[in-house]
């Protein structure tokens, strides 16, 4: 039985709690959070998607207000780090040095330098460090990847990905809207699609990005990126926090293959369709669960030493940060930024 500690108990911490609590081979035994109103706050609905646990009974858990106390107590075997992004390197490295296996939320860090420190710490500790790029594990995105890799409908000709939300007002003290802590909309939200583009096609040769900024600031509100691969494929992704509160949340894609179009929209039923060049559109079989639960399952199996199919790697997680940094530079300078 794996003893699990969750570090940071906001929206994503509660999402991890729910997923861990559904496993028969793991038990959440500790939570670390400095919020003095934690019991009150966890009764509230938060986040831009459904699924985070509510009404949690904290009396059955060990609560720590400082991370060092939790590590010193040796109460856990693994930790889910669900803190603001600027804290990821420090907290992941401390856990690795303490001999713990670490599942750390995306993005890996605010910059490539932070990613490199985390990778080096994992190598030295000989422990598992996995970054929570849940979209790679999301059932529909995983099925789309399998279809593309099979080659049955030919190669990608064009892809358009979208991730749209209202402002993330649910974060404690507004940290998500603070670029110094979250990296802003491009690094926190849009990186999901940047990472999926990398997953499908590798690192682009260059990026060209356009952004609308929050009024009277240099912080991006909405971004569109063209990923350039040195050929005639048109690959774009759009992301933003500028939608009205009544809009909710949407993640979607349209991937044009030579002999079919793959269509996904989380707001529709069915969400995923394959539209072949001839014949009727259909929905392929999609695995149960969501990306959060599936990534935790992958993490657990890796910790146990099982041979699992490669889905994500620390190098790719670092490269997603690198690509996003290039996107931010492109949007700010109005120029194409080369990556290789």
C-alpha atoms as a PDB file:
ATOM      1  CA  UNK A   1       0.000   0.000   0.000  1.00  0.00           C
ATOM      2  CA  UNK A   2       1.535   3.281  -1.115  1.00  0.00           C
ATOM      3  CA  UNK A   3       1.330   6.073   1.446  1.00  0.00           C
ATOM      4  CA  UNK A   4       0.575   9.295  -0.420  1.00  0.00           C
ATOM      5  CA  UNK A   5       1.138  12.895   0.595  1.00  0.00           C
ATOM      6  CA  UNK A   6      -0.422  15.783  -1.320  1.00  0.00           C
ATOM      7  CA  UNK A   7       1.446  19.064  -1.203  1.00  0.00           C
ATOM      8  CA  UNK A   8      -0.818  22.012  -1.934  1.00  0.00           C
ATOM      9  CA  UNK A   9      -4.544  21.382  -1.538  1.00  0.00           C
ATOM     10  CA  UNK A  10      -6.269  23.744  -3.927  1.00  0.00           C
ATOM     11  CA  UNK A  11      -8.211  22.706  -7.024  1.00  0.00           C
ATOM     12  CA  UNK A  12      -5.552  20.392  -8.454  1.00  0.00           C
ATOM     13  CA  UNK A  13      -4.614  18.980  -5.058  1.00  0.00           C
ATOM     14  CA  UNK A  14      -8.224  17.967  -4.545  1.00  0.00           C
ATOM     15  CA  UNK A  15      -8.287  16.438  -8.024  1.00  0.00           C
ATOM     16  CA  UNK A  16      -5.262  14.323  -7.150  1.00  0.00           C
ATOM     17  CA  UNK A  17      -6.869  13.403  -3.821  1.00  0.00           C
ATOM     18  CA  UNK A  18      -9.947  12.078  -5.593  1.00  0.00           C
ATOM     19  CA  UNK A  19      -7.886   9.989  -8.019  1.00  0.00           C
ATOM     20  CA  UNK A  20      -5.588   8.582  -5.347  1.00  0.00           C
ATOM     21  CA  UNK A  21      -8.555   7.778  -3.091  1.00  0.00           C
ATOM     22  CA  UNK A  22     -10.114   5.577  -5.766  1.00  0.00           C
ATOM     23  CA  UNK A  23      -7.108   3.247  -5.857  1.00  0.00           C
ATOM     24  CA  UNK A  24      -7.094   0.091  -3.711  1.00  0.00           C
ATOM     25  CA  UNK A  25      -3.290   0.042  -3.676  1.00  0.00           C
ATOM     26  CA  UNK A  26      -2.740   3.551  -2.309  1.00  0.00           C
ATOM     27  CA  UNK A  27      -3.928   5.709   0.552  1.00  0.00           C
ATOM     28  CA  UNK A  28      -3.692   9.444   1.025  1.00  0.00           C
ATOM     29  CA  UNK A  29      -2.338   9.771   4.558  1.00  0.00           C
ATOM     30  CA  UNK A  30      -1.038  13.341   4.664  1.00  0.00           C
ATOM     31  CA  UNK A  31      -1.723  16.797   3.296  1.00  0.00           C
ATOM     32  CA  UNK A  32       0.664  19.724   3.422  1.00  0.00           C
ATOM     33  CA  UNK A  33      -0.837  23.174   2.993  1.00  0.00           C
ATOM     34  CA  UNK A  34      -0.149  26.525   4.634  1.00  0.00           C
ATOM     35  CA  UNK A  35      -3.728  27.763   4.207  1.00  0.00           C
ATOM     36  CA  UNK A  36      -5.157  28.461   7.688  1.00  0.00           C
ATOM     37  CA  UNK A  37      -8.710  28.264   6.259  1.00  0.00           C
ATOM     38  CA  UNK A  38      -8.201  24.902   4.609  1.00  0.00           C
ATOM     39  CA  UNK A  39     -11.210  23.184   6.206  1.00  0.00           C
ATOM     40  CA  UNK A  40     -13.482  26.025   5.126  1.00  0.00           C
ATOM     41  CA  UNK A  41     -12.072  26.361   1.627  1.00  0.00           C
ATOM     42  CA  UNK A  42     -12.321  22.699   0.675  1.00  0.00           C
ATOM     43  CA  UNK A  43     -16.094  22.895   1.011  1.00  0.00           C
ATOM     44  CA  UNK A  44     -16.206  25.248  -1.972  1.00  0.00           C
ATOM     45  CA  UNK A  45     -16.414  24.226  -5.617  1.00  0.00           C
ATOM     46  CA  UNK A  46     -13.315  25.368  -7.522  1.00  0.00           C
ATOM     47  CA  UNK A  47     -11.665  25.053 -10.908  1.00  0.00           C
ATOM     48  CA  UNK A  48     -12.687  25.237 -14.548  1.00  0.00           C
ATOM     49  CA  UNK A  49     -13.721  21.584 -14.901  1.00  0.00           C
ATOM     50  CA  UNK A  50     -15.722  19.186 -12.766  1.00  0.00           C
ATOM     51  CA  UNK A  51     -14.195  16.354 -10.783  1.00  0.00           C
ATOM     52  CA  UNK A  52     -12.277  17.795  -7.844  1.00  0.00           C
ATOM     53  CA  UNK A  53     -13.201  16.171  -4.522  1.00  0.00           C
ATOM     54  CA  UNK A  54     -15.440  18.098  -2.131  1.00  0.00           C
ATOM     55  CA  UNK A  55     -16.473  17.664   1.489  1.00  0.00           C
ATOM     56  CA  UNK A  56     -13.231  15.920   2.469  1.00  0.00           C
ATOM     57  CA  UNK A  57     -12.890  14.723   6.056  1.00  0.00           C
ATOM     58  CA  UNK A  58      -9.503  16.077   7.103  1.00  0.00           C
ATOM     59  CA  UNK A  59      -9.752  14.482  10.560  1.00  0.00           C
ATOM     60  CA  UNK A  60      -8.586  11.161   9.098  1.00  0.00           C
ATOM     61  CA  UNK A  61      -5.438  12.687   7.605  1.00  0.00           C
ATOM     62  CA  UNK A  62      -2.179  14.004   9.002  1.00  0.00           C
ATOM     63  CA  UNK A  63      -2.038  17.723   8.300  1.00  0.00           C
ATOM     64  CA  UNK A  64       1.237  19.592   7.939  1.00  0.00           C
ATOM     65  CA  UNK A  65       1.563  23.346   7.607  1.00  0.00           C
ATOM     66  CA  UNK A  66       5.206  23.134   6.521  1.00  0.00           C
ATOM     67  CA  UNK A  67       6.856  20.851   3.992  1.00  0.00           C
ATOM     68  CA  UNK A  68       9.944  20.203   6.087  1.00  0.00           C
ATOM     69  CA  UNK A  69       7.737  18.842   8.879  1.00  0.00           C
ATOM     70  CA  UNK A  70       6.053  16.422   6.504  1.00  0.00           C
ATOM     71  CA  UNK A  71       9.336  15.167   5.090  1.00  0.00           C
ATOM     72  CA  UNK A  72      10.858  14.809   8.554  1.00  0.00           C
ATOM     73  CA  UNK A  73       7.867  12.744   9.721  1.00  0.00           C
ATOM     74  CA  UNK A  74       8.645  10.068   7.079  1.00  0.00           C
ATOM     75  CA  UNK A  75       4.915   9.486   6.812  1.00  0.00           C
ATOM     76  CA  UNK A  76       4.699   9.037   3.022  1.00  0.00           C
ATOM     77  CA  UNK A  77       6.269   7.047   0.183  1.00  0.00           C
ATOM     78  CA  UNK A  78       5.235   9.310  -2.695  1.00  0.00           C
ATOM     79  CA  UNK A  79       4.075  12.900  -3.046  1.00  0.00           C
ATOM     80  CA  UNK A  80       1.779  14.686  -5.454  1.00  0.00           C
ATOM     81  CA  UNK A  81       3.079  18.233  -5.780  1.00  0.00           C
ATOM     82  CA  UNK A  82       0.175  20.491  -6.743  1.00  0.00           C
ATOM     83  CA  UNK A  83       1.656  23.841  -5.809  1.00  0.00           C
ATOM     84  CA  UNK A  84       2.098  27.068  -7.782  1.00  0.00           C
ATOM     85  CA  UNK A  85       4.582  26.496 -10.602  1.00  0.00           C
ATOM     86  CA  UNK A  86       7.414  28.642  -9.205  1.00  0.00           C
ATOM     87  CA  UNK A  87       7.646  26.236  -6.243  1.00  0.00           C
ATOM     88  CA  UNK A  88       7.922  23.024  -8.297  1.00  0.00           C
ATOM     89  CA  UNK A  89      11.736  22.766  -8.482  1.00  0.00           C
ATOM     90  CA  UNK A  90      12.338  23.457  -4.785  1.00  0.00           C
ATOM     91  CA  UNK A  91       9.672  21.087  -3.497  1.00  0.00           C
ATOM     92  CA  UNK A  92      10.346  18.294  -6.004  1.00  0.00           C
ATOM     93  CA  UNK A  93      14.083  18.359  -5.326  1.00  0.00           C
ATOM     94  CA  UNK A  94      13.546  18.229  -1.552  1.00  0.00           C
ATOM     95  CA  UNK A  95      11.267  15.203  -1.897  1.00  0.00           C
ATOM     96  CA  UNK A  96      13.677  13.403  -4.206  1.00  0.00           C
ATOM     97  CA  UNK A  97      16.553  14.022  -1.803  1.00  0.00           C
ATOM     98  CA  UNK A  98      14.362  12.566   0.957  1.00  0.00           C
ATOM     99  CA  UNK A  99      14.026   9.370  -1.089  1.00  0.00           C
ATOM    100  CA  UNK A 100      10.454   9.907  -2.243  1.00  0.00           C
ATOM    101  CA  UNK A 101       8.972   9.331  -5.678  1.00  0.00           C
ATOM    102  CA  UNK A 102       7.345  12.461  -7.055  1.00  0.00           C
ATOM    103  CA  UNK A 103       4.357  13.220  -9.270  1.00  0.00           C
ATOM    104  CA  UNK A 104       4.608  16.943  -9.980  1.00  0.00           C
ATOM    105  CA  UNK A 105       1.920  18.943 -11.716  1.00  0.00           C
ATOM    106  CA  UNK A 106       2.628  20.625 -15.013  1.00  0.00           C
ATOM    107  CA  UNK A 107       4.266  22.799 -16.087  1.00  0.00           C
ATOM    108  CA  UNK A 108       7.523  21.326 -14.868  1.00  0.00           C
ATOM    109  CA  UNK A 109       8.961  24.729 -13.909  1.00  0.00           C
ATOM    110  CA  UNK A 110       8.881  28.371 -14.939  1.00  0.00           C
ATOM    111  CA  UNK A 111      11.992  27.974 -17.076  1.00  0.00           C
ATOM    112  CA  UNK A 112      14.341  25.399 -18.557  1.00  0.00           C
ATOM    113  CA  UNK A 113      16.946  25.999 -15.843  1.00  0.00           C
ATOM    114  CA  UNK A 114      14.460  24.883 -13.188  1.00  0.00           C
ATOM    115  CA  UNK A 115      13.600  21.806 -15.249  1.00  0.00           C
ATOM    116  CA  UNK A 116      17.265  20.844 -15.511  1.00  0.00           C
ATOM    117  CA  UNK A 117      17.712  21.048 -11.747  1.00  0.00           C
ATOM    118  CA  UNK A 118      14.750  18.715 -11.252  1.00  0.00           C
ATOM    119  CA  UNK A 119      16.036  16.208 -13.807  1.00  0.00           C
ATOM    120  CA  UNK A 120      19.474  16.150 -12.206  1.00  0.00           C
ATOM    121  CA  UNK A 121      17.965  15.627  -8.740  1.00  0.00           C
ATOM    122  CA  UNK A 122      15.896  12.676  -9.982  1.00  0.00           C
ATOM    123  CA  UNK A 123      18.977  11.074 -11.540  1.00  0.00           C
ATOM    124  CA  UNK A 124      21.004  11.468  -8.353  1.00  0.00           C
ATOM    125  CA  UNK A 125      18.211  10.168  -6.136  1.00  0.00           C
ATOM    126  CA  UNK A 126      17.350   7.280  -8.495  1.00  0.00           C
ATOM    127  CA  UNK A 127      13.727   7.957  -7.874  1.00  0.00           C
ATOM    128  CA  UNK A 128      10.768   8.457 -10.204  1.00  0.00           C
ATOM    129  CA  UNK A 129       9.848  12.004 -11.115  1.00  0.00           C
ATOM    130  CA  UNK A 130       6.846  12.331 -13.433  1.00  0.00           C
ATOM    131  CA  UNK A 131       5.341  15.589 -14.647  1.00  0.00           C
ATOM    132  CA  UNK A 132       1.545  15.729 -14.820  1.00  0.00           C
ATOM    133  CA  UNK A 133       0.947  16.297 -18.528  1.00  0.00           C
ATOM    134  CA  UNK A 134      -2.518  14.793 -18.193  1.00  0.00           C
ATOM    135  CA  UNK A 135      -3.594  15.497 -21.786  1.00  0.00           C
ATOM    136  CA  UNK A 136      -1.207  12.800 -23.059  1.00  0.00           C
ATOM    137  CA  UNK A 137      -3.225  10.395 -20.892  1.00  0.00           C
ATOM    138  CA  UNK A 138      -6.649  11.869 -21.633  1.00  0.00           C
ATOM    139  CA  UNK A 139      -8.640   9.038 -23.258  1.00  0.00           C
ATOM    140  CA  UNK A 140      -9.672  10.863 -26.431  1.00  0.00           C
ATOM    141  CA  UNK A 141      -6.255  12.409 -26.952  1.00  0.00           C
ATOM    142  CA  UNK A 142      -4.615   9.018 -26.351  1.00  0.00           C
ATOM    143  CA  UNK A 143      -6.921   7.362 -28.904  1.00  0.00           C
ATOM    144  CA  UNK A 144      -6.197  10.112 -31.439  1.00  0.00           C
ATOM    145  CA  UNK A 145      -2.472   9.522 -30.940  1.00  0.00           C
ATOM    146  CA  UNK A 146      -2.939   5.775 -31.527  1.00  0.00           C
ATOM    147  CA  UNK A 147      -4.938   6.397 -34.710  1.00  0.00           C
ATOM    148  CA  UNK A 148      -2.320   8.809 -36.062  1.00  0.00           C
ATOM    149  CA  UNK A 149       0.591   6.520 -35.205  1.00  0.00           C
ATOM    150  CA  UNK A 150      -1.138   3.551 -36.878  1.00  0.00           C
ATOM    151  CA  UNK A 151      -0.949   5.330 -40.218  1.00  0.00           C
ATOM    152  CA  UNK A 152      -4.289   3.881 -41.328  1.00  0.00           C
ATOM    153  CA  UNK A 153      -5.561   7.320 -42.363  1.00  0.00           C
ATOM    154  CA  UNK A 154      -2.263   8.715 -43.563  1.00  0.00           C
ATOM    155  CA  UNK A 155      -0.156  11.553 -42.215  1.00  0.00           C
ATOM    156  CA  UNK A 156      -1.137  14.806 -40.529  1.00  0.00           C
ATOM    157  CA  UNK A 157      -1.796  17.627 -42.976  1.00  0.00           C
ATOM    158  CA  UNK A 158      -3.170  20.165 -40.517  1.00  0.00           C
ATOM    159  CA  UNK A 159      -4.106  20.389 -36.858  1.00  0.00           C
ATOM    160  CA  UNK A 160      -6.022  23.019 -34.927  1.00  0.00           C
ATOM    161  CA  UNK A 161      -6.158  22.748 -31.135  1.00  0.00           C
ATOM    162  CA  UNK A 162      -8.081  24.967 -28.722  1.00  0.00           C
ATOM    163  CA  UNK A 163      -8.194  25.384 -24.944  1.00  0.00           C
ATOM    164  CA  UNK A 164     -10.457  28.185 -23.779  1.00  0.00           C
ATOM    165  CA  UNK A 165     -11.542  29.232 -20.307  1.00  0.00           C
ATOM    166  CA  UNK A 166     -12.761  32.123 -18.252  1.00  0.00           C
ATOM    167  CA  UNK A 167     -10.272  33.787 -15.894  1.00  0.00           C
ATOM    168  CA  UNK A 168      -8.881  31.414 -13.217  1.00  0.00           C
ATOM    169  CA  UNK A 169     -10.328  33.308 -10.263  1.00  0.00           C
ATOM    170  CA  UNK A 170     -10.457  30.201  -8.068  1.00  0.00           C
ATOM    171  CA  UNK A 171      -6.736  30.092  -7.200  1.00  0.00           C
ATOM    172  CA  UNK A 172      -5.688  30.982  -3.657  1.00  0.00           C
ATOM    173  CA  UNK A 173      -4.544  34.642  -3.516  1.00  0.00           C
ATOM    174  CA  UNK A 174      -4.772  34.810  -7.308  1.00  0.00           C
ATOM    175  CA  UNK A 175      -1.499  33.045  -7.998  1.00  0.00           C
ATOM    176  CA  UNK A 176      -2.620  31.658 -11.386  1.00  0.00           C
ATOM    177  CA  UNK A 177      -3.015  35.184 -12.781  1.00  0.00           C
ATOM    178  CA  UNK A 178       0.461  36.143 -11.521  1.00  0.00           C
ATOM    179  CA  UNK A 179       3.013  35.371 -14.252  1.00  0.00           C
ATOM    180  CA  UNK A 180       5.854  35.370 -11.725  1.00  0.00           C
ATOM    181  CA  UNK A 181       4.269  32.376 -10.007  1.00  0.00           C
ATOM    182  CA  UNK A 182       2.316  30.568 -12.744  1.00  0.00           C
ATOM    183  CA  UNK A 183       3.946  31.687 -15.963  1.00  0.00           C
ATOM    184  CA  UNK A 184       0.584  33.050 -17.081  1.00  0.00           C
ATOM    185  CA  UNK A 185      -1.926  31.666 -19.546  1.00  0.00           C
ATOM    186  CA  UNK A 186       0.684  30.484 -22.056  1.00  0.00           C
ATOM    187  CA  UNK A 187       2.702  28.381 -19.602  1.00  0.00           C
ATOM    188  CA  UNK A 188      -0.166  27.227 -17.394  1.00  0.00           C
ATOM    189  CA  UNK A 189      -3.057  26.612 -19.808  1.00  0.00           C
ATOM    190  CA  UNK A 190      -1.818  26.702 -23.395  1.00  0.00           C
ATOM    191  CA  UNK A 191       1.135  24.384 -22.606  1.00  0.00           C
ATOM    192  CA  UNK A 192      -1.280  21.428 -22.642  1.00  0.00           C
ATOM    193  CA  UNK A 193      -1.681  21.801 -26.396  1.00  0.00           C
ATOM    194  CA  UNK A 194       1.947  22.754 -26.969  1.00  0.00           C
ATOM    195  CA  UNK A 195       2.931  19.525 -25.245  1.00  0.00           C
ATOM    196  CA  UNK A 196       0.428  17.491 -27.269  1.00  0.00           C
ATOM    197  CA  UNK A 197       1.773  18.964 -30.516  1.00  0.00           C
ATOM    198  CA  UNK A 198       5.238  17.875 -29.402  1.00  0.00           C
ATOM    199  CA  UNK A 199       3.845  14.431 -28.505  1.00  0.00           C
ATOM    200  CA  UNK A 200       2.411  14.017 -31.995  1.00  0.00           C
ATOM    201  CA  UNK A 201       5.115  15.617 -34.097  1.00  0.00           C
ATOM    202  CA  UNK A 202       8.241  16.329 -32.076  1.00  0.00           C
ATOM    203  CA  UNK A 203       9.853  19.713 -31.454  1.00  0.00           C
ATOM    204  CA  UNK A 204       8.985  22.256 -34.154  1.00  0.00           C
ATOM    205  CA  UNK A 205      11.700  24.000 -36.112  1.00  0.00           C
ATOM    206  CA  UNK A 206      10.294  27.366 -35.021  1.00  0.00           C
ATOM    207  CA  UNK A 207       7.194  29.056 -33.606  1.00  0.00           C
ATOM    208  CA  UNK A 208       5.298  32.205 -34.520  1.00  0.00           C
ATOM    209  CA  UNK A 209       2.874  33.425 -31.879  1.00  0.00           C
ATOM    210  CA  UNK A 210       0.317  36.198 -31.567  1.00  0.00           C
ATOM    211  CA  UNK A 211      -1.236  37.357 -28.307  1.00  0.00           C
ATOM    212  CA  UNK A 212      -3.858  39.722 -26.962  1.00  0.00           C
ATOM    213  CA  UNK A 213      -2.751  41.104 -23.625  1.00  0.00           C
ATOM    214  CA  UNK A 214      -4.627  41.882 -20.446  1.00  0.00           C
ATOM    215  CA  UNK A 215      -5.512  45.613 -20.695  1.00  0.00           C
ATOM    216  CA  UNK A 216      -2.716  47.923 -19.528  1.00  0.00           C
ATOM    217  CA  UNK A 217      -0.289  45.044 -18.959  1.00  0.00           C
ATOM    218  CA  UNK A 218       2.162  42.899 -20.891  1.00  0.00           C
ATOM    219  CA  UNK A 219       0.524  39.701 -19.634  1.00  0.00           C
ATOM    220  CA  UNK A 220      -1.052  37.567 -22.357  1.00  0.00           C
ATOM    221  CA  UNK A 221      -4.794  36.939 -22.171  1.00  0.00           C
ATOM    222  CA  UNK A 222      -5.208  34.921 -25.376  1.00  0.00           C
ATOM    223  CA  UNK A 223      -2.560  33.335 -27.594  1.00  0.00           C
ATOM    224  CA  UNK A 224      -2.441  31.680 -31.009  1.00  0.00           C
ATOM    225  CA  UNK A 225       0.694  29.840 -32.136  1.00  0.00           C
ATOM    226  CA  UNK A 226       1.783  28.483 -35.497  1.00  0.00           C
ATOM    227  CA  UNK A 227       4.218  25.590 -35.063  1.00  0.00           C
ATOM    228  CA  UNK A 228       6.614  25.496 -38.016  1.00  0.00           C
ATOM    229  CA  UNK A 229       8.110  22.169 -39.096  1.00  0.00           C
ATOM    230  CA  UNK A 230       9.787  23.231 -42.336  1.00  0.00           C
ATOM    231  CA  UNK A 231       7.084  21.694 -44.545  1.00  0.00           C
ATOM    232  CA  UNK A 232       3.569  22.523 -45.721  1.00  0.00           C
ATOM    233  CA  UNK A 233       1.736  21.232 -42.640  1.00  0.00           C
ATOM    234  CA  UNK A 234      -0.324  23.861 -40.844  1.00  0.00           C
ATOM    235  CA  UNK A 235      -0.239  23.248 -37.087  1.00  0.00           C
ATOM    236  CA  UNK A 236      -1.834  25.802 -34.765  1.00  0.00           C
ATOM    237  CA  UNK A 237      -3.003  25.971 -31.164  1.00  0.00           C
ATOM    238  CA  UNK A 238      -5.101  28.612 -29.442  1.00  0.00           C
ATOM    239  CA  UNK A 239      -5.542  29.185 -25.733  1.00  0.00           C
ATOM    240  CA  UNK A 240      -6.956  31.841 -23.492  1.00  0.00           C
ATOM    241  CA  UNK A 241      -8.387  32.902 -20.173  1.00  0.00           C
ATOM    242  CA  UNK A 242     -10.481  35.680 -21.715  1.00  0.00           C
ATOM    243  CA  UNK A 243     -13.827  33.914 -22.103  1.00  0.00           C
ATOM    244  CA  UNK A 244     -16.806  35.198 -20.156  1.00  0.00           C
ATOM    245  CA  UNK A 245     -17.733  33.398 -16.898  1.00  0.00           C
ATOM    246  CA  UNK A 246     -20.840  31.916 -18.513  1.00  0.00           C
ATOM    247  CA  UNK A 247     -18.714  30.261 -21.213  1.00  0.00           C
ATOM    248  CA  UNK A 248     -17.196  27.634 -18.928  1.00  0.00           C
ATOM    249  CA  UNK A 249     -14.355  25.590 -20.389  1.00  0.00           C
ATOM    250  CA  UNK A 250     -13.610  23.999 -23.738  1.00  0.00           C
ATOM    251  CA  UNK A 251     -10.787  21.812 -24.968  1.00  0.00           C
ATOM    252  CA  UNK A 252     -10.994  20.643 -28.558  1.00  0.00           C
ATOM    253  CA  UNK A 253      -9.101  19.728 -31.686  1.00  0.00           C
ATOM    254  CA  UNK A 254      -9.573  19.161 -35.411  1.00  0.00           C
ATOM    255  CA  UNK A 255      -6.776  17.054 -36.882  1.00  0.00           C
ATOM    256  CA  UNK A 256      -6.796  16.693 -40.653  1.00  0.00           C
ATOM    257  CA  UNK A 257      -5.194  13.489 -41.902  1.00  0.00           C
ATOM    258  CA  UNK A 258      -4.823  12.451 -45.533  1.00  0.00           C
ATOM    259  CA  UNK A 259      -7.842  10.128 -45.341  1.00  0.00           C
ATOM    260  CA  UNK A 260      -9.816  11.282 -42.306  1.00  0.00           C
ATOM    261  CA  UNK A 261     -10.474  14.123 -39.893  1.00  0.00           C
ATOM    262  CA  UNK A 262     -10.283  13.564 -36.148  1.00  0.00           C
ATOM    263  CA  UNK A 263     -12.689  15.815 -34.262  1.00  0.00           C
ATOM    264  CA  UNK A 264     -12.841  16.291 -30.489  1.00  0.00           C
ATOM    265  CA  UNK A 265     -14.788  18.755 -28.357  1.00  0.00           C
ATOM    266  CA  UNK A 266     -15.274  18.151 -24.639  1.00  0.00           C
ATOM    267  CA  UNK A 267     -18.566  20.075 -24.726  1.00  0.00           C
ATOM    268  CA  UNK A 268     -20.212  17.698 -27.230  1.00  0.00           C
ATOM    269  CA  UNK A 269     -21.626  14.187 -27.033  1.00  0.00           C
ATOM    270  CA  UNK A 270     -20.022  12.132 -28.385  1.00  0.00           C
ATOM    271  CA  UNK A 271     -16.884  14.175 -27.796  1.00  0.00           C
ATOM    272  CA  UNK A 272     -14.641  12.302 -30.263  1.00  0.00           C
ATOM    273  CA  UNK A 273     -15.465  11.452 -33.869  1.00  0.00           C
ATOM    274  CA  UNK A 274     -13.502  10.002 -36.741  1.00  0.00           C
ATOM    275  CA  UNK A 275     -14.691  11.363 -40.090  1.00  0.00           C
ATOM    276  CA  UNK A 276     -13.181   9.165 -42.858  1.00  0.00           C
ATOM    277  CA  UNK A 277     -12.822  10.146 -46.490  1.00  0.00           C
ATOM    278  CA  UNK A 278     -15.670   7.747 -47.329  1.00  0.00           C
ATOM    279  CA  UNK A 279     -18.403   6.333 -45.140  1.00  0.00           C
ATOM    280  CA  UNK A 280     -20.096   7.713 -42.064  1.00  0.00           C
ATOM    281  CA  UNK A 281     -18.392   9.370 -39.128  1.00  0.00           C
ATOM    282  CA  UNK A 282     -18.004   7.168 -36.062  1.00  0.00           C
ATOM    283  CA  UNK A 283     -16.780   7.259 -32.479  1.00  0.00           C
ATOM    284  CA  UNK A 284     -13.990   4.778 -31.705  1.00  0.00           C
ATOM    285  CA  UNK A 285     -13.841   2.915 -28.413  1.00  0.00           C
ATOM    286  CA  UNK A 286     -12.486   5.217 -25.727  1.00  0.00           C
ATOM    287  CA  UNK A 287     -10.951   3.936 -22.462  1.00  0.00           C
ATOM    288  CA  UNK A 288     -12.690   4.725 -19.198  1.00  0.00           C
ATOM    289  CA  UNK A 289     -11.424   7.313 -16.770  1.00  0.00           C
ATOM    290  CA  UNK A 290      -9.779  10.669 -17.287  1.00  0.00           C
ATOM    291  CA  UNK A 291      -6.249  11.911 -17.780  1.00  0.00           C
ATOM    292  CA  UNK A 292      -5.676  12.575 -14.083  1.00  0.00           C
ATOM    293  CA  UNK A 293      -6.479   9.023 -12.977  1.00  0.00           C
ATOM    294  CA  UNK A 294      -4.653   7.478 -15.934  1.00  0.00           C
ATOM    295  CA  UNK A 295      -1.472   9.468 -15.323  1.00  0.00           C
ATOM    296  CA  UNK A 296      -1.491   8.434 -11.660  1.00  0.00           C
ATOM    297  CA  UNK A 297      -1.871   4.797 -12.724  1.00  0.00           C
ATOM    298  CA  UNK A 298       1.139   5.196 -15.029  1.00  0.00           C
ATOM    299  CA  UNK A 299       3.115   6.780 -12.182  1.00  0.00           C
ATOM    300  CA  UNK A 300       2.260   3.970  -9.742  1.00  0.00           C
ATOM    301  CA  UNK A 301       3.226   1.281 -12.233  1.00  0.00           C
ATOM    302  CA  UNK A 302       6.519   3.048 -12.916  1.00  0.00           C
ATOM    303  CA  UNK A 303       7.292   3.323  -9.203  1.00  0.00           C
ATOM    304  CA  UNK A 304       6.666  -0.407  -8.873  1.00  0.00           C
ATOM    305  CA  UNK A 305       9.200  -1.092 -11.600  1.00  0.00           C
ATOM    306  CA  UNK A 306       6.696  -2.348 -14.159  1.00  0.00           C
ATOM    307  CA  UNK A 307       7.464  -1.977 -17.834  1.00  0.00           C
ATOM    308  CA  UNK A 308       5.026   0.659 -19.023  1.00  0.00           C
ATOM    309  CA  UNK A 309       4.675   2.084 -22.530  1.00  0.00           C
ATOM    310  CA  UNK A 310       6.434   5.447 -22.860  1.00  0.00           C
ATOM    311  CA  UNK A 311       3.923   8.271 -22.634  1.00  0.00           C
ATOM    312  CA  UNK A 312       5.903  11.149 -21.207  1.00  0.00           C
ATOM    313  CA  UNK A 313       9.503  11.832 -20.229  1.00  0.00           C
ATOM    314  CA  UNK A 314      11.362  14.447 -18.224  1.00  0.00           C
ATOM    315  CA  UNK A 315      13.182  15.622 -21.356  1.00  0.00           C
ATOM    316  CA  UNK A 316       9.886  16.131 -23.185  1.00  0.00           C
ATOM    317  CA  UNK A 317       8.395  17.934 -20.176  1.00  0.00           C
ATOM    318  CA  UNK A 318      11.397  20.263 -20.200  1.00  0.00           C
ATOM    319  CA  UNK A 319      11.090  20.751 -23.953  1.00  0.00           C
ATOM    320  CA  UNK A 320       7.449  21.778 -23.575  1.00  0.00           C
ATOM    321  CA  UNK A 321       8.598  24.581 -21.268  1.00  0.00           C
ATOM    322  CA  UNK A 322      11.302  25.473 -23.810  1.00  0.00           C
ATOM    323  CA  UNK A 323       8.766  25.666 -26.660  1.00  0.00           C
ATOM    324  CA  UNK A 324       6.400  27.803 -24.592  1.00  0.00           C
ATOM    325  CA  UNK A 325       9.234  30.171 -23.697  1.00  0.00           C
ATOM    326  CA  UNK A 326       9.837  30.581 -27.436  1.00  0.00           C
ATOM    327  CA  UNK A 327       6.114  31.261 -27.953  1.00  0.00           C
ATOM    328  CA  UNK A 328       6.136  33.965 -25.302  1.00  0.00           C
ATOM    329  CA  UNK A 329       9.223  35.557 -26.870  1.00  0.00           C
ATOM    330  CA  UNK A 330       7.615  35.424 -30.317  1.00  0.00           C
ATOM    331  CA  UNK A 331       4.384  37.039 -29.122  1.00  0.00           C
ATOM    332  CA  UNK A 332       6.278  39.833 -27.376  1.00  0.00           C
ATOM    333  CA  UNK A 333       8.712  40.593 -30.193  1.00  0.00           C
ATOM    334  CA  UNK A 334       6.462  39.933 -33.184  1.00  0.00           C
ATOM    335  CA  UNK A 335       9.104  37.648 -34.661  1.00  0.00           C
ATOM    336  CA  UNK A 336       9.476  33.973 -35.511  1.00  0.00           C
ATOM    337  CA  UNK A 337      11.627  32.227 -32.886  1.00  0.00           C
ATOM    338  CA  UNK A 338      13.781  29.282 -33.939  1.00  0.00           C
ATOM    339  CA  UNK A 339      14.062  26.167 -31.789  1.00  0.00           C
ATOM    340  CA  UNK A 340      16.430  24.119 -33.944  1.00  0.00           C
END
